[in-house]
C-alpha atoms as a PDB file:
ATOM      1  CA  MET A   1     126.625 318.476 241.023  1.00  0.00           C
ATOM      2  CA  ILE A   2     123.490 316.921 242.511  1.00  0.00           C
ATOM      3  CA  THR A   3     122.909 317.323 246.254  1.00  0.00           C
ATOM      4  CA  LEU A   4     120.181 316.438 248.742  1.00  0.00           C
ATOM      5  CA  ASN A   5     119.705 320.157 249.429  1.00  0.00           C
ATOM      6  CA  ASP A   6     118.259 320.582 245.910  1.00  0.00           C
ATOM      7  CA  TYR A   7     115.158 318.617 246.925  1.00  0.00           C
ATOM      8  CA  LEU A   8     114.371 320.008 250.380  1.00  0.00           C
ATOM      9  CA  TYR A   9     112.215 322.973 249.329  1.00  0.00           C
ATOM     10  CA  SER A  10     109.461 321.361 247.251  1.00  0.00           C
ATOM     11  CA  GLY A  11     107.014 320.399 249.993  1.00  0.00           C
ATOM     12  CA  ASP A  12     107.285 316.736 248.987  1.00  0.00           C
ATOM     13  CA  THR A  13     107.267 313.780 251.356  1.00  0.00           C
ATOM     14  CA  ILE A  14     110.485 312.217 252.552  1.00  0.00           C
ATOM     15  CA  PHE A  15     109.869 309.250 250.224  1.00  0.00           C
ATOM     16  CA  ARG A  16     109.425 311.401 247.108  1.00  0.00           C
ATOM     17  CA  ILE A  17     112.533 313.390 247.998  1.00  0.00           C
ATOM     18  CA  LEU A  18     114.551 310.211 248.426  1.00  0.00           C
ATOM     19  CA  GLN A  19     113.249 308.814 245.120  1.00  0.00           C
ATOM     20  CA  GLN A  20     113.970 312.005 243.176  1.00  0.00           C
ATOM     21  CA  TYR A  21     117.445 312.419 244.669  1.00  0.00           C
ATOM     22  CA  THR A  22     118.289 308.760 244.057  1.00  0.00           C
ATOM     23  CA  ASP A  23     117.065 308.802 240.438  1.00  0.00           C
ATOM     24  CA  ALA A  24     118.986 311.983 239.634  1.00  0.00           C
ATOM     25  CA  LEU A  25     122.154 310.730 241.304  1.00  0.00           C
ATOM     26  CA  ARG A  26     121.973 307.372 239.497  1.00  0.00           C
ATOM     27  CA  LYS A  27     121.334 309.024 236.126  1.00  0.00           C
ATOM     28  CA  GLU A  28     124.321 311.335 236.605  1.00  0.00           C
ATOM     29  CA  ALA A  29     126.507 308.425 237.786  1.00  0.00           C
ATOM     30  CA  ARG A  30     125.749 306.436 234.628  1.00  0.00           C
ATOM     31  CA  LYS A  31     126.425 309.447 232.448  1.00  0.00           C
ATOM     32  CA  SER A  32     129.772 310.273 234.082  1.00  0.00           C
ATOM     33  CA  HIS A  33     130.734 306.651 234.972  1.00  0.00           C
ATOM     34  CA  ASN A  34     131.088 307.736 238.607  1.00  0.00           C
ATOM     35  CA  GLU A  35     131.198 304.515 240.657  1.00  0.00           C
ATOM     36  CA  ILE A  36     131.032 306.334 243.987  1.00  0.00           C
ATOM     37  CA  ASP A  37     127.846 308.177 243.016  1.00  0.00           C
ATOM     38  CA  MET A  38     126.427 304.808 241.966  1.00  0.00           C
ATOM     39  CA  ALA A  39     127.328 303.379 245.391  1.00  0.00           C
ATOM     40  CA  HIS A  40     125.754 306.491 246.923  1.00  0.00           C
ATOM     41  CA  SER A  41     122.489 305.938 245.039  1.00  0.00           C
ATOM     42  CA  ASN A  42     122.444 302.269 246.119  1.00  0.00           C
ATOM     43  CA  PHE A  43     122.851 303.434 249.709  1.00  0.00           C
ATOM     44  CA  LEU A  44     119.847 305.740 249.308  1.00  0.00           C
ATOM     45  CA  ILE A  45     117.777 302.899 247.816  1.00  0.00           C
ATOM     46  CA  LEU A  46     118.541 300.840 250.932  1.00  0.00           C
ATOM     47  CA  ILE A  47     117.401 303.696 253.184  1.00  0.00           C
ATOM     48  CA  LYS A  48     114.175 304.182 251.221  1.00  0.00           C
ATOM     49  CA  GLY A  49     113.424 300.468 251.395  1.00  0.00           C
ATOM     50  CA  LEU A  50     113.930 300.370 255.164  1.00  0.00           C
ATOM     51  CA  LEU A  51     111.744 303.433 255.687  1.00  0.00           C
ATOM     52  CA  GLU A  52     109.021 302.400 253.266  1.00  0.00           C
ATOM     53  CA  HIS A  53     108.721 298.699 254.090  1.00  0.00           C
ATOM     54  CA  ASN A  54     109.281 298.741 257.822  1.00  0.00           C
ATOM     55  CA  ASP A  55     106.948 295.917 258.873  1.00  0.00           C
ATOM     56  CA  PHE A  56     110.116 294.019 259.770  1.00  0.00           C
ATOM     57  CA  LEU A  57     110.735 296.529 262.576  1.00  0.00           C
ATOM     58  CA  THR A  58     107.779 295.105 264.472  1.00  0.00           C
ATOM     59  CA  ALA A  59     109.298 291.618 264.335  1.00  0.00           C
ATOM     60  CA  GLN A  60     112.776 292.961 265.060  1.00  0.00           C
ATOM     61  CA  SER A  61     111.696 294.989 268.073  1.00  0.00           C
ATOM     62  CA  GLN A  62     109.809 291.946 269.361  1.00  0.00           C
ATOM     63  CA  GLN A  63     113.055 289.968 269.396  1.00  0.00           C
ATOM     64  CA  ILE A  64     114.824 292.846 271.164  1.00  0.00           C
ATOM     65  CA  ARG A  65     111.973 292.840 273.667  1.00  0.00           C
ATOM     66  CA  GLU A  66     112.779 289.209 274.451  1.00  0.00           C
ATOM     67  CA  PHE A  67     116.210 290.320 275.639  1.00  0.00           C
ATOM     68  CA  TYR A  68     114.523 293.048 277.669  1.00  0.00           C
ATOM     69  CA  LYS A  69     112.438 290.360 279.418  1.00  0.00           C
ATOM     70  CA  TYR A  70     115.583 288.286 279.989  1.00  0.00           C
ATOM     71  CA  MET A  71     117.285 291.259 281.648  1.00  0.00           C
ATOM     72  CA  ALA A  72     114.242 292.059 283.791  1.00  0.00           C
ATOM     73  CA  LYS A  73     114.353 288.520 285.162  1.00  0.00           C
ATOM     74  CA  GLN A  74     118.141 288.272 285.441  1.00  0.00           C
ATOM     75  CA  TYR A  75     118.745 291.759 286.897  1.00  0.00           C
ATOM     76  CA  PRO A  76     115.635 292.801 288.857  1.00  0.00           C
ATOM     77  CA  TYR A  77     117.720 295.214 290.958  1.00  0.00           C
ATOM     78  CA  LEU A  78     118.856 297.197 287.888  1.00  0.00           C
ATOM     79  CA  ALA A  79     117.054 300.112 286.324  1.00  0.00           C
ATOM     80  CA  PHE A  80     117.493 300.161 282.542  1.00  0.00           C
ATOM     81  CA  THR A  81     116.079 301.498 279.308  1.00  0.00           C
ATOM     82  CA  PHE A  82     115.915 300.089 275.785  1.00  0.00           C
ATOM     83  CA  LYS A  83     115.732 302.637 272.977  1.00  0.00           C
ATOM     84  CA  GLY A  84     115.791 302.274 269.207  1.00  0.00           C
ATOM     85  CA  ARG A  85     115.931 304.697 266.311  1.00  0.00           C
ATOM     86  CA  ILE A  86     116.272 304.898 262.551  1.00  0.00           C
ATOM     87  CA  LYS A  87     118.920 307.464 261.668  1.00  0.00           C
ATOM     88  CA  SER A  88     117.590 310.701 260.155  1.00  0.00           C
ATOM     89  CA  LEU A  89     118.010 311.226 256.424  1.00  0.00           C
ATOM     90  CA  ILE A  90     120.131 314.345 256.889  1.00  0.00           C
ATOM     91  CA  ARG A  91     122.424 312.622 259.394  1.00  0.00           C
ATOM     92  CA  ALA A  92     122.756 309.529 257.162  1.00  0.00           C
ATOM     93  CA  GLU A  93     123.667 311.701 254.183  1.00  0.00           C
ATOM     94  CA  GLU A  94     126.169 313.665 256.287  1.00  0.00           C
ATOM     95  CA  LYS A  95     127.767 310.476 257.548  1.00  0.00           C
ATOM     96  CA  PHE A  96     128.026 308.853 254.112  1.00  0.00           C
ATOM     97  CA  ASN A  97     129.783 311.888 252.660  1.00  0.00           C
ATOM     98  CA  GLY A  98     131.840 312.214 255.835  1.00  0.00           C
ATOM     99  CA  TYR A  99     133.149 308.670 255.316  1.00  0.00           C
ATOM    100  CA  ILE A 100     134.349 309.636 251.839  1.00  0.00           C
ATOM    101  CA  VAL A 101     136.012 312.841 253.033  1.00  0.00           C
ATOM    102  CA  SER A 102     137.742 311.339 256.053  1.00  0.00           C
ATOM    103  CA  TYR A 103     138.952 308.191 254.261  1.00  0.00           C
ATOM    104  CA  ILE A 104     140.412 310.062 251.282  1.00  0.00           C
ATOM    105  CA  TYR A 105     141.975 312.693 253.528  1.00  0.00           C
ATOM    106  CA  ASP A 106     143.570 310.138 255.839  1.00  0.00           C
ATOM    107  CA  TYR A 107     144.815 308.044 252.919  1.00  0.00           C
ATOM    108  CA  TYR A 108     146.228 311.093 251.113  1.00  0.00           C
ATOM    109  CA  THR A 109     147.910 312.334 254.290  1.00  0.00           C
ATOM    110  CA  LYS A 110     149.516 308.934 254.901  1.00  0.00           C
ATOM    111  CA  TYR A 111     150.525 307.933 251.379  1.00  0.00           C
ATOM    112  CA  GLY A 112     150.586 311.182 249.389  1.00  0.00           C
ATOM    113  CA  LYS A 113     148.162 309.778 246.831  1.00  0.00           C
ATOM    114  CA  TYR A 114     144.470 308.989 246.544  1.00  0.00           C
ATOM    115  CA  PRO A 115     142.879 305.591 247.268  1.00  0.00           C
ATOM    116  CA  SER A 116     141.569 303.433 244.461  1.00  0.00           C
ATOM    117  CA  VAL A 117     137.837 303.361 243.767  1.00  0.00           C
ATOM    118  CA  ASN A 118     137.661 299.785 245.049  1.00  0.00           C
ATOM    119  CA  LYS A 119     139.262 300.740 248.375  1.00  0.00           C
ATOM    120  CA  LEU A 120     136.895 303.684 248.742  1.00  0.00           C
ATOM    121  CA  LYS A 121     133.853 301.544 247.941  1.00  0.00           C
ATOM    122  CA  SER A 122     135.015 299.016 250.523  1.00  0.00           C
ATOM    123  CA  ARG A 123     135.136 301.786 253.138  1.00  0.00           C
ATOM    124  CA  LEU A 124     131.614 302.884 252.250  1.00  0.00           C
ATOM    125  CA  SER A 125     130.302 299.371 252.906  1.00  0.00           C
ATOM    126  CA  CYS A 126     131.008 299.909 256.624  1.00  0.00           C
ATOM    127  CA  PHE A 127     127.781 301.868 257.192  1.00  0.00           C
ATOM    128  CA  ARG A 128     126.047 299.595 259.709  1.00  0.00           C
ATOM    129  CA  ASP A 129     124.130 301.825 262.145  1.00  0.00           C
ATOM    130  CA  PHE A 130     121.190 303.165 260.122  1.00  0.00           C
ATOM    131  CA  ILE A 131     119.089 301.120 262.555  1.00  0.00           C
ATOM    132  CA  ALA A 132     120.433 301.274 266.103  1.00  0.00           C
ATOM    133  CA  TYR A 133     119.380 300.255 269.589  1.00  0.00           C
ATOM    134  CA  ARG A 134     120.781 301.301 272.945  1.00  0.00           C
ATOM    135  CA  ILE A 135     120.626 299.669 276.362  1.00  0.00           C
ATOM    136  CA  VAL A 136     121.413 301.938 279.312  1.00  0.00           C
ATOM    137  CA  ILE A 137     121.712 300.454 282.801  1.00  0.00           C
ATOM    138  CA  CYS A 138     121.794 302.017 286.240  1.00  0.00           C
ATOM    139  CA  MET A 139     122.249 300.366 289.621  1.00  0.00           C
ATOM    140  CA  PRO A 140     120.534 302.182 292.511  1.00  0.00           C
ATOM    141  CA  LYS A 141     122.971 302.747 295.375  1.00  0.00           C
ATOM    142  CA  CYS A 142     120.549 301.153 297.818  1.00  0.00           C
ATOM    143  CA  HIS A 143     121.317 297.764 296.252  1.00  0.00           C
ATOM    144  CA  LEU A 144     125.052 297.995 296.838  1.00  0.00           C
ATOM    145  CA  LYS A 145     126.521 295.854 299.584  1.00  0.00           C
ATOM    146  CA  GLN A 146     128.826 297.419 302.126  1.00  0.00           C
ATOM    147  CA  GLY A 147     132.202 298.179 300.590  1.00  0.00           C
ATOM    148  CA  GLU A 148     131.014 297.819 296.979  1.00  0.00           C
ATOM    149  CA  ASP A 149     131.792 300.570 294.468  1.00  0.00           C
ATOM    150  CA  LEU A 150     128.924 301.688 292.203  1.00  0.00           C
ATOM    151  CA  GLU A 151     130.970 302.118 289.025  1.00  0.00           C
ATOM    152  CA  THR A 152     132.719 298.760 289.497  1.00  0.00           C
ATOM    153  CA  GLU A 153     129.463 296.864 290.052  1.00  0.00           C
ATOM    154  CA  GLU A 154     127.771 298.551 287.071  1.00  0.00           C
ATOM    155  CA  LEU A 155     130.708 297.612 284.849  1.00  0.00           C
ATOM    156  CA  LYS A 156     130.430 293.986 285.958  1.00  0.00           C
ATOM    157  CA  CYS A 157     126.756 293.987 284.993  1.00  0.00           C
ATOM    158  CA  LEU A 158     127.424 295.758 281.698  1.00  0.00           C
ATOM    159  CA  TYR A 159     129.980 293.174 280.600  1.00  0.00           C
ATOM    160  CA  GLU A 160     127.804 290.289 281.831  1.00  0.00           C
ATOM    161  CA  ILE A 161     125.013 291.588 279.605  1.00  0.00           C
ATOM    162  CA  ALA A 162     127.485 292.000 276.733  1.00  0.00           C
ATOM    163  CA  ASN A 163     128.585 288.379 277.155  1.00  0.00           C
ATOM    164  CA  ALA A 164     124.999 287.103 276.944  1.00  0.00           C
ATOM    165  CA  LEU A 165     123.738 289.302 274.085  1.00  0.00           C
ATOM    166  CA  PRO A 166     125.377 287.723 270.966  1.00  0.00           C
ATOM    167  CA  GLY A 167     124.289 284.166 271.739  1.00  0.00           C
ATOM    168  CA  PHE A 168     120.803 285.271 272.756  1.00  0.00           C
ATOM    169  CA  LEU A 169     120.160 287.120 269.479  1.00  0.00           C
ATOM    170  CA  GLU A 170     121.895 284.546 267.284  1.00  0.00           C
ATOM    171  CA  GLU A 171     119.308 282.003 268.462  1.00  0.00           C
ATOM    172  CA  ARG A 172     116.662 284.403 267.140  1.00  0.00           C
ATOM    173  CA  GLY A 173     117.953 284.976 263.614  1.00  0.00           C
ATOM    174  CA  PHE A 174     120.662 287.608 264.085  1.00  0.00           C
ATOM    175  CA  ASP A 175     124.314 287.114 263.141  1.00  0.00           C
ATOM    176  CA  ALA A 176     126.936 289.046 265.122  1.00  0.00           C
ATOM    177  CA  GLU A 177     129.414 290.815 262.824  1.00  0.00           C
ATOM    178  CA  ASP A 178     133.169 290.634 263.332  1.00  0.00           C
ATOM    179  CA  ALA A 179     134.460 294.061 264.442  1.00  0.00           C
ATOM    180  CA  LYS A 180     137.705 293.372 262.532  1.00  0.00           C
ATOM    181  CA  GLY A 181     139.899 294.385 265.436  1.00  0.00           C
ATOM    182  CA  VAL A 182     138.487 297.910 265.765  1.00  0.00           C
ATOM    183  CA  LYS A 183     138.649 298.984 269.435  1.00  0.00           C
ATOM    184  CA  LEU A 184     139.369 295.388 270.470  1.00  0.00           C
ATOM    185  CA  SER A 185     138.484 294.850 274.114  1.00  0.00           C
ATOM    186  CA  THR A 186     141.208 294.239 276.672  1.00  0.00           C
ATOM    187  CA  SER A 187     138.767 293.862 279.549  1.00  0.00           C
ATOM    188  CA  PRO A 188     138.966 290.578 281.500  1.00  0.00           C
ATOM    189  CA  LEU A 189     135.229 290.950 282.098  1.00  0.00           C
ATOM    190  CA  LEU A 190     134.416 290.317 278.426  1.00  0.00           C
ATOM    191  CA  ASN A 191     134.535 286.654 277.393  1.00  0.00           C
ATOM    192  CA  ASP A 192     137.096 285.715 274.755  1.00  0.00           C
ATOM    193  CA  ASP A 193     134.464 284.137 272.488  1.00  0.00           C
ATOM    194  CA  VAL A 194     132.552 287.424 272.132  1.00  0.00           C
ATOM    195  CA  LYS A 195     135.471 289.878 272.116  1.00  0.00           C
ATOM    196  CA  PRO A 196     135.862 289.763 268.309  1.00  0.00           C
ATOM    197  CA  TYR A 197     132.324 291.151 267.917  1.00  0.00           C
ATOM    198  CA  TYR A 198     132.617 294.206 270.162  1.00  0.00           C
ATOM    199  CA  ARG A 199     134.122 297.638 269.627  1.00  0.00           C
ATOM    200  CA  ASP A 200     134.989 298.435 273.220  1.00  0.00           C
ATOM    201  CA  TYR A 201     135.014 302.183 273.863  1.00  0.00           C
ATOM    202  CA  VAL A 202     134.946 301.493 277.619  1.00  0.00           C
ATOM    203  CA  CYS A 203     138.496 300.207 278.014  1.00  0.00           C
ATOM    204  CA  ASN A 204     139.471 302.287 274.936  1.00  0.00           C
ATOM    205  CA  LYS A 205     138.079 305.547 276.312  1.00  0.00           C
ATOM    206  CA  SER A 206     138.132 308.510 273.897  1.00  0.00           C
ATOM    207  CA  HIS A 207     139.805 311.803 274.762  1.00  0.00           C
ATOM    208  CA  ASN A 208     136.397 313.400 275.365  1.00  0.00           C
ATOM    209  CA  GLY A 209     135.368 310.693 277.843  1.00  0.00           C
ATOM    210  CA  TYR A 210     133.065 308.759 275.490  1.00  0.00           C
ATOM    211  CA  GLN A 211     132.503 305.174 276.660  1.00  0.00           C
ATOM    212  CA  SER A 212     130.209 302.503 275.260  1.00  0.00           C
ATOM    213  CA  LEU A 213     130.179 298.935 273.959  1.00  0.00           C
ATOM    214  CA  HIS A 214     129.170 298.653 270.292  1.00  0.00           C
ATOM    215  CA  ILE A 215     128.175 295.486 268.460  1.00  0.00           C
ATOM    216  CA  THR A 216     126.679 295.028 264.983  1.00  0.00           C
ATOM    217  CA  PHE A 217     124.192 292.327 263.969  1.00  0.00           C
ATOM    218  CA  TYR A 218     122.845 291.232 260.610  1.00  0.00           C
ATOM    219  CA  ASP A 219     119.086 290.637 260.752  1.00  0.00           C
ATOM    220  CA  ASN A 220     118.429 287.714 258.426  1.00  0.00           C
ATOM    221  CA  SER A 221     114.673 288.362 258.287  1.00  0.00           C
ATOM    222  CA  SER A 222     114.985 291.943 257.009  1.00  0.00           C
ATOM    223  CA  ARG A 223     118.403 291.449 255.396  1.00  0.00           C
ATOM    224  CA  SER A 224     119.691 294.594 257.079  1.00  0.00           C
ATOM    225  CA  TYR A 225     122.289 295.543 259.670  1.00  0.00           C
ATOM    226  CA  MET A 226     121.635 297.029 263.074  1.00  0.00           C
ATOM    227  CA  GLU A 227     123.949 298.350 265.757  1.00  0.00           C
ATOM    228  CA  LEU A 228     123.431 297.840 269.466  1.00  0.00           C
ATOM    229  CA  GLN A 229     125.128 299.991 272.124  1.00  0.00           C
ATOM    230  CA  LEU A 230     125.508 299.133 275.809  1.00  0.00           C
ATOM    231  CA  ARG A 231     126.167 301.864 278.387  1.00  0.00           C
ATOM    232  CA  THR A 232     125.821 302.731 282.038  1.00  0.00           C
ATOM    233  CA  LYS A 233     123.817 305.827 282.955  1.00  0.00           C
ATOM    234  CA  ARG A 234     127.027 307.743 283.655  1.00  0.00           C
ATOM    235  CA  MET A 235     128.402 306.821 280.217  1.00  0.00           C
ATOM    236  CA  ASP A 236     125.131 307.825 278.585  1.00  0.00           C
ATOM    237  CA  ASP A 237     125.129 311.208 280.329  1.00  0.00           C
ATOM    238  CA  ILE A 238     128.652 311.929 279.092  1.00  0.00           C
ATOM    239  CA  ALA A 239     127.635 310.922 275.557  1.00  0.00           C
ATOM    240  CA  GLU A 240     124.320 312.779 275.477  1.00  0.00           C
ATOM    241  CA  ILE A 241     124.757 315.906 277.601  1.00  0.00           C
ATOM    242  CA  GLY A 242     128.431 315.862 278.563  1.00  0.00           C
ATOM    243  CA  PRO A 243     131.687 316.531 276.704  1.00  0.00           C
ATOM    244  CA  ALA A 244     131.050 313.706 274.210  1.00  0.00           C
ATOM    245  CA  ASN A 245     127.545 314.813 273.206  1.00  0.00           C
ATOM    246  CA  HIS A 246     126.537 314.883 269.550  1.00  0.00           C
ATOM    247  CA  LEU A 247     126.611 318.675 269.288  1.00  0.00           C
ATOM    248  CA  GLU A 248     130.255 318.714 270.346  1.00  0.00           C
ATOM    249  CA  TYR A 249     130.899 315.862 267.909  1.00  0.00           C
ATOM    250  CA  GLU A 250     129.388 317.912 265.093  1.00  0.00           C
ATOM    251  CA  LYS A 251     131.492 320.946 266.041  1.00  0.00           C
ATOM    252  CA  ARG A 252     134.662 318.867 265.936  1.00  0.00           C
ATOM    253  CA  GLN A 253     133.565 317.328 262.650  1.00  0.00           C
ATOM    254  CA  GLU A 254     132.924 320.785 261.203  1.00  0.00           C
ATOM    255  CA  LYS A 255     136.425 321.926 262.201  1.00  0.00           C
ATOM    256  CA  GLU A 256     137.984 318.791 260.735  1.00  0.00           C
ATOM    257  CA  ARG A 257     136.184 319.190 257.423  1.00  0.00           C
ATOM    258  CA  ILE A 258     137.260 322.804 257.106  1.00  0.00           C
ATOM    259  CA  GLN A 259     140.868 321.713 257.587  1.00  0.00           C
ATOM    260  CA  ARG A 260     140.494 319.087 254.896  1.00  0.00           C
ATOM    261  CA  ASP A 261     140.298 321.622 252.091  1.00  0.00           C
ATOM    262  CA  THR A 262     144.107 321.507 252.200  1.00  0.00           C
ATOM    263  CA  ILE A 263     143.754 318.705 249.644  1.00  0.00           C
ATOM    264  CA  PRO A 264     144.224 320.380 246.226  1.00  0.00           C
ATOM    265  CA  LYS A 265     140.835 321.124 244.728  1.00  0.00           C
ATOM    266  CA  GLY A 266     140.153 319.427 241.428  1.00  0.00           C
ATOM    267  CA  GLU A 267     142.524 316.497 241.919  1.00  0.00           C
ATOM    268  CA  CYS A 268     139.976 314.062 243.371  1.00  0.00           C
ATOM    269  CA  ILE A 269     136.365 314.455 242.258  1.00  0.00           C
ATOM    270  CA  TYR A 270     135.108 312.034 244.913  1.00  0.00           C
ATOM    271  CA  PHE A 271     136.607 314.138 247.704  1.00  0.00           C
ATOM    272  CA  ASP A 272     135.464 317.438 246.174  1.00  0.00           C
ATOM    273  CA  GLU A 273     131.855 316.335 245.713  1.00  0.00           C
ATOM    274  CA  ALA A 274     131.525 314.670 249.123  1.00  0.00           C
ATOM    275  CA  TYR A 275     133.109 317.667 250.815  1.00  0.00           C
ATOM    276  CA  GLU A 276     130.730 320.088 249.082  1.00  0.00           C
ATOM    277  CA  ARG A 277     127.662 317.976 249.891  1.00  0.00           C
ATOM    278  CA  GLY A 278     128.748 317.798 253.514  1.00  0.00           C
ATOM    279  CA  MET A 279     129.321 321.558 253.761  1.00  0.00           C
ATOM    280  CA  LYS A 280     125.934 322.305 252.194  1.00  0.00           C
ATOM    281  CA  LEU A 281     124.189 320.113 254.763  1.00  0.00           C
ATOM    282  CA  LEU A 282     126.246 321.580 257.577  1.00  0.00           C
ATOM    283  CA  ASN A 283     125.151 325.089 256.619  1.00  0.00           C
ATOM    284  CA  LEU A 284     121.545 324.137 255.927  1.00  0.00           C
ATOM    285  CA  ASP A 285     119.003 326.680 257.181  1.00  0.00           C
ATOM    286  CA  LEU A 286     116.352 324.414 258.672  1.00  0.00           C
ATOM    287  CA  THR A 287     113.819 327.237 258.990  1.00  0.00           C
ATOM    288  CA  LYS A 288     113.580 327.509 255.187  1.00  0.00           C
ATOM    289  CA  ILE A 289     113.115 323.819 254.454  1.00  0.00           C
ATOM    290  CA  ASP A 290     109.749 322.766 253.017  1.00  0.00           C
ATOM    291  CA  VAL A 291     109.332 319.027 253.509  1.00  0.00           C
ATOM    292  CA  ASN A 292     105.980 317.435 254.235  1.00  0.00           C
ATOM    293  CA  MET A 293     105.529 317.077 258.044  1.00  0.00           C
ATOM    294  CA  PHE A 294     108.654 319.134 258.774  1.00  0.00           C
ATOM    295  CA  THR A 295     108.778 322.665 260.170  1.00  0.00           C
ATOM    296  CA  ALA A 296     111.512 324.386 262.141  1.00  0.00           C
ATOM    297  CA  MET A 297     111.575 327.653 264.049  1.00  0.00           C
ATOM    298  CA  SER A 298     115.193 326.859 264.857  1.00  0.00           C
ATOM    299  CA  LYS A 299     117.406 323.828 265.434  1.00  0.00           C
ATOM    300  CA  SER A 300     116.163 323.657 269.030  1.00  0.00           C
ATOM    301  CA  LEU A 301     112.487 324.053 268.069  1.00  0.00           C
ATOM    302  CA  ILE A 302     111.902 321.366 265.480  1.00  0.00           C
ATOM    303  CA  ASN A 303     108.722 319.474 264.683  1.00  0.00           C
ATOM    304  CA  ASP A 304     110.009 316.532 262.672  1.00  0.00           C
ATOM    305  CA  GLY A 305     107.450 313.824 262.100  1.00  0.00           C
ATOM    306  CA  CYS A 306     109.083 312.430 258.975  1.00  0.00           C
ATOM    307  CA  GLY A 307     112.552 311.372 260.071  1.00  0.00           C
ATOM    308  CA  LEU A 308     114.354 314.104 258.170  1.00  0.00           C
ATOM    309  CA  TYR A 309     116.350 315.655 261.009  1.00  0.00           C
ATOM    310  CA  HIS A 310     115.709 313.796 264.273  1.00  0.00           C
ATOM    311  CA  GLY A 311     115.220 310.272 262.934  1.00  0.00           C
ATOM    312  CA  ARG A 312     112.475 307.938 264.103  1.00  0.00           C
ATOM    313  CA  LEU A 313     112.153 306.321 267.505  1.00  0.00           C
ATOM    314  CA  ILE A 314     111.204 302.659 267.176  1.00  0.00           C
ATOM    315  CA  LEU A 315     111.642 301.196 270.646  1.00  0.00           C
ATOM    316  CA  PRO A 316     110.941 302.761 274.050  1.00  0.00           C
ATOM    317  CA  TYR A 317     111.152 300.200 276.886  1.00  0.00           C
ATOM    318  CA  GLU A 318     111.840 301.128 280.488  1.00  0.00           C
ATOM    319  CA  HIS A 319     112.468 298.932 283.522  1.00  0.00           C
ATOM    320  CA  LEU A 320     112.547 300.329 287.041  1.00  0.00           C
ATOM    321  CA  SER A 321     114.573 298.637 289.773  1.00  0.00           C
ATOM    322  CA  ARG A 322     112.565 296.480 292.139  1.00  0.00           C
ATOM    323  CA  PHE A 323     112.885 297.235 295.814  1.00  0.00           C
ATOM    324  CA  GLN A 324     111.389 293.989 297.122  1.00  0.00           C
ATOM    325  CA  ASN A 325     114.415 293.298 299.354  1.00  0.00           C
ATOM    326  CA  ASP A 326     113.848 296.613 301.119  1.00  0.00           C
ATOM    327  CA  LEU A 327     110.548 295.281 302.495  1.00  0.00           C
ATOM    328  CA  ILE A 328     112.184 292.416 304.366  1.00  0.00           C
ATOM    329  CA  ASP A 329     112.804 293.035 308.080  1.00  0.00           C
END
C-alpha cells in the first residue's frame, strides 16, 4: 500500500513529494480499480495546484481585507484580528483519511454493513477548509456602558458581523455554500436569510466548550473553497489553548481511531487502507523526516518553511480598539 510516509525521507521539496505520491497513488488506483484511491489522488492534485499557483491568494486576501476595512469603520471600539492559513500537507492527509475511517465506521455501526463507493465519495467531497480564515473579536471593558455584560455585547457584535459577511463577499465574487442543516443556528441574533449558510457551534456548544461560527465560500476566481470562522477572544482561547485545543482534539481522534479497529480487518479495503495511513502519520517521527526546508528537534521545536506540518500563514491583519471617546471630558 502506498502512503505519504514513503516519500518524506528523500530530501525533496514539498511539490516533488506531492507529485510523486500522487502519481504512485493514481497508478495503483488504475491498476486495482480503486475509486477511493483515485479520488484521493484528485484531492492531492487540487492541493498541489493551490500551493503551486497561489497568485490567486493575493487577490483573495485583498477581498478579505475589504471586509477588514468595513469592520474597522463599523466597529472602531472593537479589537480584532484577521488570520488566514493553508492547511499543512500532513494535516490535510490525516483529515482526508480520517473522513474515510469515521464515515465507514459510523455507517457500519448504524447499519451493520459498509457504505457504497458512491456514498463514500460523496462524503469525501465535503473537504472545504484547505484554505481558511479566522476573525477573532474582543471588546475592551472600558467601552461597556453601565449594566452591560461583556459576553452578551460581544455575542451581539459577532452575530452582526456574521449577518453582514455573506452579502459583502458575494458582491466580490464569492458564493456562500449551504451548510445542509449541519449545526443549524437557533440564535435569534442570526438573520433567517443567512442561517442556512452557517454551522453554528456557538448555540450548539460542544462538550469540550468549543464555540465558533463557520461558513464556507466558493471563490469563483480561483475555483476553490475557503472556510471562514468567527469567534470572540474567549472562544478562541478555549479553542487554541483551552480544553478544545487542537492537541486535545488529536488525542481524542487517536483514541477514536484505535477503537475503530473493531471493524473486521480485511472486509473493507477502503477502511483498512485509510486507517493504516492515518496511524502511520499519527506515529510519524518528525525528527527523522528529510523534506527540503523542514527540520524538527521535536514537535514543539519545528522549523517548517514549506507547509508540511504547520501550514502556511497567508493573512495577518490586526486592529486595535480606538479610545477616542476616552479623551472627551
